Amino acid sequence: MTSDILLYVGSIVIMIWGISHIVPTRQIVKGFEPLSVDNRRIITMEWIAEGITLVFIGLLVLLVTALSESQNLVSATVFTASALMLIVMAGLTGLTGGRTSVVFFKICPLVKTAVAVLFFLGIVL
């Protein structure tokens, strides 16, 4: 039961974080102006893609937790892969956007890492 709670909390947190990436996309892209049309499209695509990826990871863990036993091999594999992807994304963000002065970018690796820890704890508890 505790493991399921950790998995649900992590799922919801990372989905909210993903949505918080998608919602302000227009304002974020405007912050990079002046941009060429191609660069505007690329930044928009990448910003939305990260948000969608985070929502997908959270939704995947949420559905696997809700629809199957969270303590079986397949579930543990999904949770581990999701946690590892979040760690990779946290590392990428930490080496790029996290090195800027923007607070949102500095917090992002911490949120991703914290959710990955929740997923790992959901596997072992």
N, C-alpha and C. Protein backbone atom coordinates (compact mmCIF):
# COMPACT_ATOMS: atom_id res chain seq x y z
N MET A 1 0.82 -1.21 0.00
CA MET A 1 0.00 0.00 0.00
C MET A 1 0.86 1.26 0.00
N THR A 2 1.91 1.29 0.83
CA THR A 2 2.81 2.44 0.87
C THR A 2 3.47 2.64 -0.48
N SER A 3 3.88 1.53 -1.12
CA SER A 3 4.52 1.65 -2.42
C SER A 3 3.57 2.27 -3.44
N ASP A 4 2.31 1.87 -3.41
CA ASP A 4 1.33 2.44 -4.34
C ASP A 4 1.16 3.93 -4.11
N ILE A 5 1.11 4.34 -2.87
CA ILE A 5 0.97 5.77 -2.56
C ILE A 5 2.16 6.55 -3.11
N LEU A 6 3.37 6.04 -2.92
CA LEU A 6 4.56 6.71 -3.45
C LEU A 6 4.50 6.81 -4.97
N LEU A 7 4.05 5.75 -5.61
CA LEU A 7 3.95 5.74 -7.07
C LEU A 7 2.88 6.71 -7.56
N TYR A 8 1.75 6.75 -6.88
CA TYR A 8 0.69 7.69 -7.26
C TYR A 8 1.14 9.14 -7.06
N VAL A 9 1.77 9.41 -5.93
CA VAL A 9 2.23 10.78 -5.66
C VAL A 9 3.25 11.20 -6.72
N GLY A 10 4.22 10.33 -6.99
CA GLY A 10 5.22 10.64 -8.01
C GLY A 10 4.58 10.88 -9.37
N SER A 11 3.63 10.04 -9.72
CA SER A 11 2.94 10.17 -11.01
C SER A 11 2.24 11.51 -11.12
N ILE A 12 1.51 11.87 -10.09
CA ILE A 12 0.75 13.13 -10.12
C ILE A 12 1.69 14.32 -10.16
N VAL A 13 2.76 14.28 -9.37
CA VAL A 13 3.72 15.39 -9.36
C VAL A 13 4.34 15.58 -10.74
N ILE A 14 4.79 14.50 -11.38
CA ILE A 14 5.47 14.66 -12.66
C ILE A 14 4.48 15.03 -13.76
N MET A 15 3.21 14.59 -13.66
CA MET A 15 2.22 15.02 -14.65
C MET A 15 1.93 16.52 -14.50
N ILE A 16 1.81 16.98 -13.28
CA ILE A 16 1.59 18.42 -13.05
C ILE A 16 2.80 19.21 -13.55
N TRP A 17 4.00 18.70 -13.29
CA TRP A 17 5.21 19.38 -13.76
C TRP A 17 5.22 19.42 -15.29
N GLY A 18 4.80 18.34 -15.93
CA GLY A 18 4.73 18.31 -17.39
C GLY A 18 3.73 19.31 -17.93
N ILE A 19 2.57 19.37 -17.30
CA ILE A 19 1.54 20.33 -17.72
C ILE A 19 2.05 21.75 -17.52
N SER A 20 2.81 21.96 -16.44
CA SER A 20 3.35 23.30 -16.18
C SER A 20 4.41 23.68 -17.21
N HIS A 21 4.94 22.71 -17.94
CA HIS A 21 5.83 23.01 -19.06
C HIS A 21 5.02 23.45 -20.27
N ILE A 22 3.91 22.79 -20.50
CA ILE A 22 3.13 23.00 -21.72
C ILE A 22 2.35 24.32 -21.67
N VAL A 23 1.72 24.60 -20.56
CA VAL A 23 0.82 25.76 -20.46
C VAL A 23 1.50 27.09 -20.82
N PRO A 24 2.69 27.39 -20.30
CA PRO A 24 3.27 28.71 -20.61
C PRO A 24 4.15 28.74 -21.87
N THR A 25 3.97 27.79 -22.76
CA THR A 25 4.86 27.68 -23.93
C THR A 25 4.95 28.99 -24.70
N ARG A 26 3.84 29.59 -24.98
CA ARG A 26 3.84 30.83 -25.78
C ARG A 26 4.69 31.92 -25.11
N GLN A 27 4.53 32.09 -23.78
CA GLN A 27 5.29 33.12 -23.07
C GLN A 27 6.78 32.77 -23.03
N ILE A 28 7.09 31.50 -22.87
CA ILE A 28 8.48 31.07 -22.83
C ILE A 28 9.15 31.38 -24.16
N VAL A 29 8.51 31.01 -25.25
CA VAL A 29 9.08 31.24 -26.58
C VAL A 29 9.25 32.74 -26.82
N LYS A 30 8.29 33.55 -26.41
CA LYS A 30 8.41 35.01 -26.57
C LYS A 30 9.62 35.54 -25.82
N GLY A 31 9.98 34.89 -24.73
CA GLY A 31 11.14 35.32 -23.95
C GLY A 31 12.46 35.17 -24.69
N PHE A 32 12.46 34.38 -25.76
CA PHE A 32 13.66 34.18 -26.56
C PHE A 32 13.73 35.13 -27.76
N GLU A 33 12.70 35.94 -27.96
CA GLU A 33 12.64 36.83 -29.12
C GLU A 33 13.84 37.78 -29.11
N PRO A 34 14.31 38.20 -30.26
CA PRO A 34 13.82 37.91 -31.60
C PRO A 34 14.31 36.54 -32.09
N LEU A 35 13.43 35.84 -32.77
CA LEU A 35 13.71 34.51 -33.31
C LEU A 35 13.26 34.43 -34.77
N SER A 36 13.94 33.60 -35.51
CA SER A 36 13.45 33.30 -36.85
C SER A 36 12.23 32.39 -36.69
N VAL A 37 11.45 32.26 -37.73
CA VAL A 37 10.26 31.40 -37.70
C VAL A 37 10.68 29.96 -37.39
N ASP A 38 11.75 29.49 -38.03
CA ASP A 38 12.21 28.11 -37.79
C ASP A 38 12.64 27.91 -36.34
N ASN A 39 13.39 28.85 -35.79
CA ASN A 39 13.83 28.71 -34.40
C ASN A 39 12.67 28.77 -33.43
N ARG A 40 11.68 29.60 -33.72
CA ARG A 40 10.48 29.67 -32.88
C ARG A 40 9.76 28.32 -32.88
N ARG A 41 9.65 27.72 -34.05
CA ARG A 41 8.98 26.41 -34.15
C ARG A 41 9.77 25.32 -33.43
N ILE A 42 11.08 25.36 -33.55
CA ILE A 42 11.91 24.34 -32.89
C ILE A 42 11.83 24.46 -31.38
N ILE A 43 11.93 25.67 -30.85
CA ILE A 43 11.83 25.86 -29.40
C ILE A 43 10.45 25.45 -28.91
N THR A 44 9.41 25.82 -29.64
CA THR A 44 8.05 25.44 -29.27
C THR A 44 7.92 23.92 -29.25
N MET A 45 8.41 23.26 -30.29
CA MET A 45 8.33 21.81 -30.38
C MET A 45 9.06 21.15 -29.21
N GLU A 46 10.25 21.60 -28.92
CA GLU A 46 11.04 20.98 -27.85
C GLU A 46 10.43 21.23 -26.48
N TRP A 47 9.91 22.40 -26.27
CA TRP A 47 9.32 22.74 -24.97
C TRP A 47 8.07 21.87 -24.72
N ILE A 48 7.23 21.75 -25.75
CA ILE A 48 6.03 20.93 -25.63
C ILE A 48 6.41 19.45 -25.52
N ALA A 49 7.41 19.02 -26.28
CA ALA A 49 7.83 17.61 -26.25
C ALA A 49 8.27 17.19 -24.85
N GLU A 50 9.00 18.05 -24.16
CA GLU A 50 9.41 17.70 -22.79
C GLU A 50 8.19 17.60 -21.89
N GLY A 51 7.28 18.53 -22.01
CA GLY A 51 6.06 18.47 -21.20
C GLY A 51 5.25 17.22 -21.46
N ILE A 52 5.08 16.88 -22.72
CA ILE A 52 4.33 15.67 -23.07
C ILE A 52 5.03 14.42 -22.54
N THR A 53 6.35 14.40 -22.64
CA THR A 53 7.12 13.25 -22.13
C THR A 53 6.91 13.08 -20.63
N LEU A 54 6.95 14.17 -19.90
CA LEU A 54 6.75 14.09 -18.45
C LEU A 54 5.34 13.62 -18.11
N VAL A 55 4.35 14.14 -18.83
CA VAL A 55 2.97 13.70 -18.60
C VAL A 55 2.84 12.21 -18.93
N PHE A 56 3.46 11.78 -20.03
CA PHE A 56 3.38 10.37 -20.41
C PHE A 56 4.02 9.47 -19.36
N ILE A 57 5.18 9.84 -18.86
CA ILE A 57 5.84 9.03 -17.82
C ILE A 57 4.93 8.91 -16.60
N GLY A 58 4.38 10.02 -16.16
CA GLY A 58 3.49 10.00 -15.01
C GLY A 58 2.24 9.17 -15.25
N LEU A 59 1.65 9.34 -16.42
CA LEU A 59 0.44 8.59 -16.75
C LEU A 59 0.73 7.09 -16.85
N LEU A 60 1.86 6.73 -17.44
CA LEU A 60 2.23 5.33 -17.56
C LEU A 60 2.37 4.68 -16.19
N VAL A 61 3.09 5.33 -15.30
CA VAL A 61 3.26 4.77 -13.94
C VAL A 61 1.92 4.72 -13.22
N LEU A 62 1.12 5.76 -13.36
CA LEU A 62 -0.19 5.79 -12.72
C LEU A 62 -1.06 4.64 -13.21
N LEU A 63 -1.11 4.42 -14.52
CA LEU A 63 -1.96 3.35 -15.07
C LEU A 63 -1.45 1.97 -14.68
N VAL A 64 -0.15 1.76 -14.73
CA VAL A 64 0.39 0.45 -14.35
C VAL A 64 0.12 0.17 -12.88
N THR A 65 0.26 1.19 -12.05
CA THR A 65 -0.03 1.03 -10.62
C THR A 65 -1.51 0.71 -10.39
N ALA A 66 -2.38 1.41 -11.10
CA ALA A 66 -3.82 1.24 -10.90
C ALA A 66 -4.34 -0.07 -11.49
N LEU A 67 -3.75 -0.52 -12.58
CA LEU A 67 -4.32 -1.65 -13.31
C LEU A 67 -3.62 -2.99 -13.07
N SER A 68 -2.54 -2.98 -12.34
CA SER A 68 -1.86 -4.25 -12.07
C SER A 68 -1.24 -4.21 -10.68
N GLU A 69 -0.68 -5.31 -10.28
CA GLU A 69 0.02 -5.35 -9.01
C GLU A 69 1.32 -4.57 -9.15
N SER A 70 1.55 -3.63 -8.25
CA SER A 70 2.74 -2.79 -8.37
C SER A 70 4.02 -3.53 -8.01
N GLN A 71 3.90 -4.72 -7.46
CA GLN A 71 5.08 -5.46 -7.02
C GLN A 71 5.40 -6.67 -7.90
N ASN A 72 5.05 -6.62 -9.18
CA ASN A 72 5.44 -7.73 -10.06
C ASN A 72 6.57 -7.27 -10.98
N LEU A 73 7.15 -8.19 -11.71
CA LEU A 73 8.33 -7.90 -12.52
C LEU A 73 8.05 -6.88 -13.62
N VAL A 74 6.93 -7.00 -14.30
CA VAL A 74 6.60 -6.07 -15.38
C VAL A 74 6.41 -4.65 -14.82
N SER A 75 5.66 -4.55 -13.74
CA SER A 75 5.45 -3.24 -13.13
C SER A 75 6.77 -2.63 -12.67
N ALA A 76 7.58 -3.44 -12.01
CA ALA A 76 8.87 -2.95 -11.52
C ALA A 76 9.75 -2.49 -12.69
N THR A 77 9.66 -3.18 -13.80
CA THR A 77 10.44 -2.79 -14.98
C THR A 77 9.97 -1.45 -15.52
N VAL A 78 8.66 -1.25 -15.59
CA VAL A 78 8.11 0.03 -16.04
C VAL A 78 8.52 1.15 -15.10
N PHE A 79 8.42 0.91 -13.80
CA PHE A 79 8.77 1.93 -12.82
C PHE A 79 10.26 2.26 -12.88
N THR A 80 11.09 1.24 -13.03
CA THR A 80 12.54 1.45 -13.11
C THR A 80 12.90 2.23 -14.37
N ALA A 81 12.33 1.84 -15.51
CA ALA A 81 12.61 2.54 -16.77
C ALA A 81 12.15 3.99 -16.69
N SER A 82 11.00 4.22 -16.07
CA SER A 82 10.48 5.58 -15.93
C SER A 82 11.39 6.41 -15.03
N ALA A 83 11.82 5.83 -13.93
CA ALA A 83 12.73 6.54 -13.01
C ALA A 83 14.05 6.84 -13.70
N LEU A 84 14.59 5.89 -14.44
CA LEU A 84 15.85 6.12 -15.14
C LEU A 84 15.72 7.21 -16.20
N MET A 85 14.59 7.22 -16.90
CA MET A 85 14.37 8.28 -17.88
C MET A 85 14.31 9.65 -17.22
N LEU A 86 13.68 9.72 -16.07
CA LEU A 86 13.63 10.99 -15.33
C LEU A 86 15.03 11.41 -14.88
N ILE A 87 15.85 10.45 -14.48
CA ILE A 87 17.23 10.77 -14.07
C ILE A 87 18.02 11.31 -15.27
N VAL A 88 17.85 10.67 -16.43
CA VAL A 88 18.53 11.15 -17.65
C VAL A 88 18.06 12.56 -17.99
N MET A 89 16.75 12.78 -17.92
CA MET A 89 16.20 14.10 -18.22
C MET A 89 16.68 15.14 -17.20
N ALA A 90 16.77 14.74 -15.94
CA ALA A 90 17.27 15.65 -14.90
C ALA A 90 18.72 16.02 -15.18
N GLY A 91 19.51 15.03 -15.59
CA GLY A 91 20.91 15.31 -15.91
C GLY A 91 21.04 16.26 -17.09
N LEU A 92 20.25 16.02 -18.13
CA LEU A 92 20.27 16.90 -19.30
C LEU A 92 19.87 18.32 -18.92
N THR A 93 18.82 18.44 -18.15
CA THR A 93 18.36 19.76 -17.72
C THR A 93 19.41 20.43 -16.83
N GLY A 94 20.01 19.66 -15.94
CA GLY A 94 21.03 20.21 -15.05
C GLY A 94 22.24 20.73 -15.80
N LEU A 95 22.60 20.08 -16.89
CA LEU A 95 23.76 20.49 -17.68
C LEU A 95 23.46 21.61 -18.67
N THR A 96 22.18 21.85 -18.92
CA THR A 96 21.81 22.87 -19.90
C THR A 96 21.02 23.99 -19.22
N GLY A 97 19.71 23.89 -19.20
CA GLY A 97 18.86 24.94 -18.64
C GLY A 97 19.10 25.21 -17.17
N GLY A 98 19.51 24.17 -16.44
CA GLY A 98 19.76 24.34 -15.01
C GLY A 98 20.95 25.24 -14.69
N ARG A 99 21.74 25.50 -15.70
CA ARG A 99 22.91 26.36 -15.52
C ARG A 99 22.61 27.81 -15.85
N THR A 100 21.35 28.10 -16.15
CA THR A 100 20.94 29.48 -16.42
C THR A 100 20.47 30.12 -15.11
N SER A 101 20.10 31.38 -15.20
CA SER A 101 19.62 32.08 -14.00
C SER A 101 18.12 31.89 -13.77
N VAL A 102 17.45 31.17 -14.64
CA VAL A 102 16.00 30.97 -14.53
C VAL A 102 15.70 29.93 -13.45
N VAL A 103 14.94 30.34 -12.44
CA VAL A 103 14.65 29.48 -11.29
C VAL A 103 13.92 28.20 -11.71
N PHE A 104 12.99 28.31 -12.64
CA PHE A 104 12.23 27.15 -13.11
C PHE A 104 13.19 26.06 -13.61
N PHE A 105 14.22 26.47 -14.35
CA PHE A 105 15.19 25.50 -14.87
C PHE A 105 16.05 24.92 -13.76
N LYS A 106 16.33 25.70 -12.75
CA LYS A 106 17.13 25.21 -11.62
C LYS A 106 16.36 24.20 -10.78
N ILE A 107 15.05 24.38 -10.66
CA ILE A 107 14.20 23.48 -9.88
C ILE A 107 13.92 22.18 -10.62
N CYS A 108 13.84 22.26 -11.94
CA CYS A 108 13.42 21.14 -12.76
C CYS A 108 14.21 19.84 -12.49
N PRO A 109 15.55 19.86 -12.44
CA PRO A 109 16.26 18.62 -12.16
C PRO A 109 15.93 18.04 -10.78
N LEU A 110 15.66 18.92 -9.82
CA LEU A 110 15.30 18.46 -8.48
C LEU A 110 13.95 17.76 -8.48
N VAL A 111 12.99 18.32 -9.19
CA VAL A 111 11.65 17.71 -9.26
C VAL A 111 11.74 16.34 -9.94
N LYS A 112 12.45 16.27 -11.06
CA LYS A 112 12.58 15.01 -11.78
C LYS A 112 13.29 13.96 -10.93
N THR A 113 14.33 14.37 -10.25
CA THR A 113 15.07 13.43 -9.39
C THR A 113 14.22 12.98 -8.21
N ALA A 114 13.49 13.89 -7.61
CA ALA A 114 12.63 13.54 -6.48
C ALA A 114 11.57 12.52 -6.90
N VAL A 115 10.98 12.70 -8.06
CA VAL A 115 9.96 11.76 -8.55
C VAL A 115 10.62 10.41 -8.86
N ALA A 116 11.81 10.43 -9.45
CA ALA A 116 12.53 9.18 -9.71
C ALA A 116 12.77 8.43 -8.40
N VAL A 117 13.12 9.13 -7.35
CA VAL A 117 13.33 8.50 -6.04
C VAL A 117 12.02 7.91 -5.53
N LEU A 118 10.92 8.63 -5.70
CA LEU A 118 9.62 8.08 -5.29
C LEU A 118 9.31 6.79 -6.05
N PHE A 119 9.61 6.76 -7.34
CA PHE A 119 9.38 5.55 -8.14
C PHE A 119 10.27 4.41 -7.67
N PHE A 120 11.55 4.71 -7.40
CA PHE A 120 12.45 3.66 -6.90
C PHE A 120 11.97 3.14 -5.55
N LEU A 121 11.55 4.04 -4.66
CA LEU A 121 11.03 3.60 -3.36
C LEU A 121 9.75 2.79 -3.51
N GLY A 122 8.94 3.15 -4.50
CA GLY A 122 7.73 2.39 -4.77
C GLY A 122 8.02 0.98 -5.21
N ILE A 123 9.20 0.74 -5.75
CA ILE A 123 9.59 -0.61 -6.16
C ILE A 123 10.06 -1.43 -4.97
N VAL A 124 10.84 -0.80 -4.09
CA VAL A 124 11.50 -1.57 -3.03
C VAL A 124 10.68 -1.68 -1.74
N LEU A 125 9.72 -0.82 -1.55
CA LEU A 125 8.94 -0.89 -0.30
C LEU A 125 7.73 -1.80 -0.42
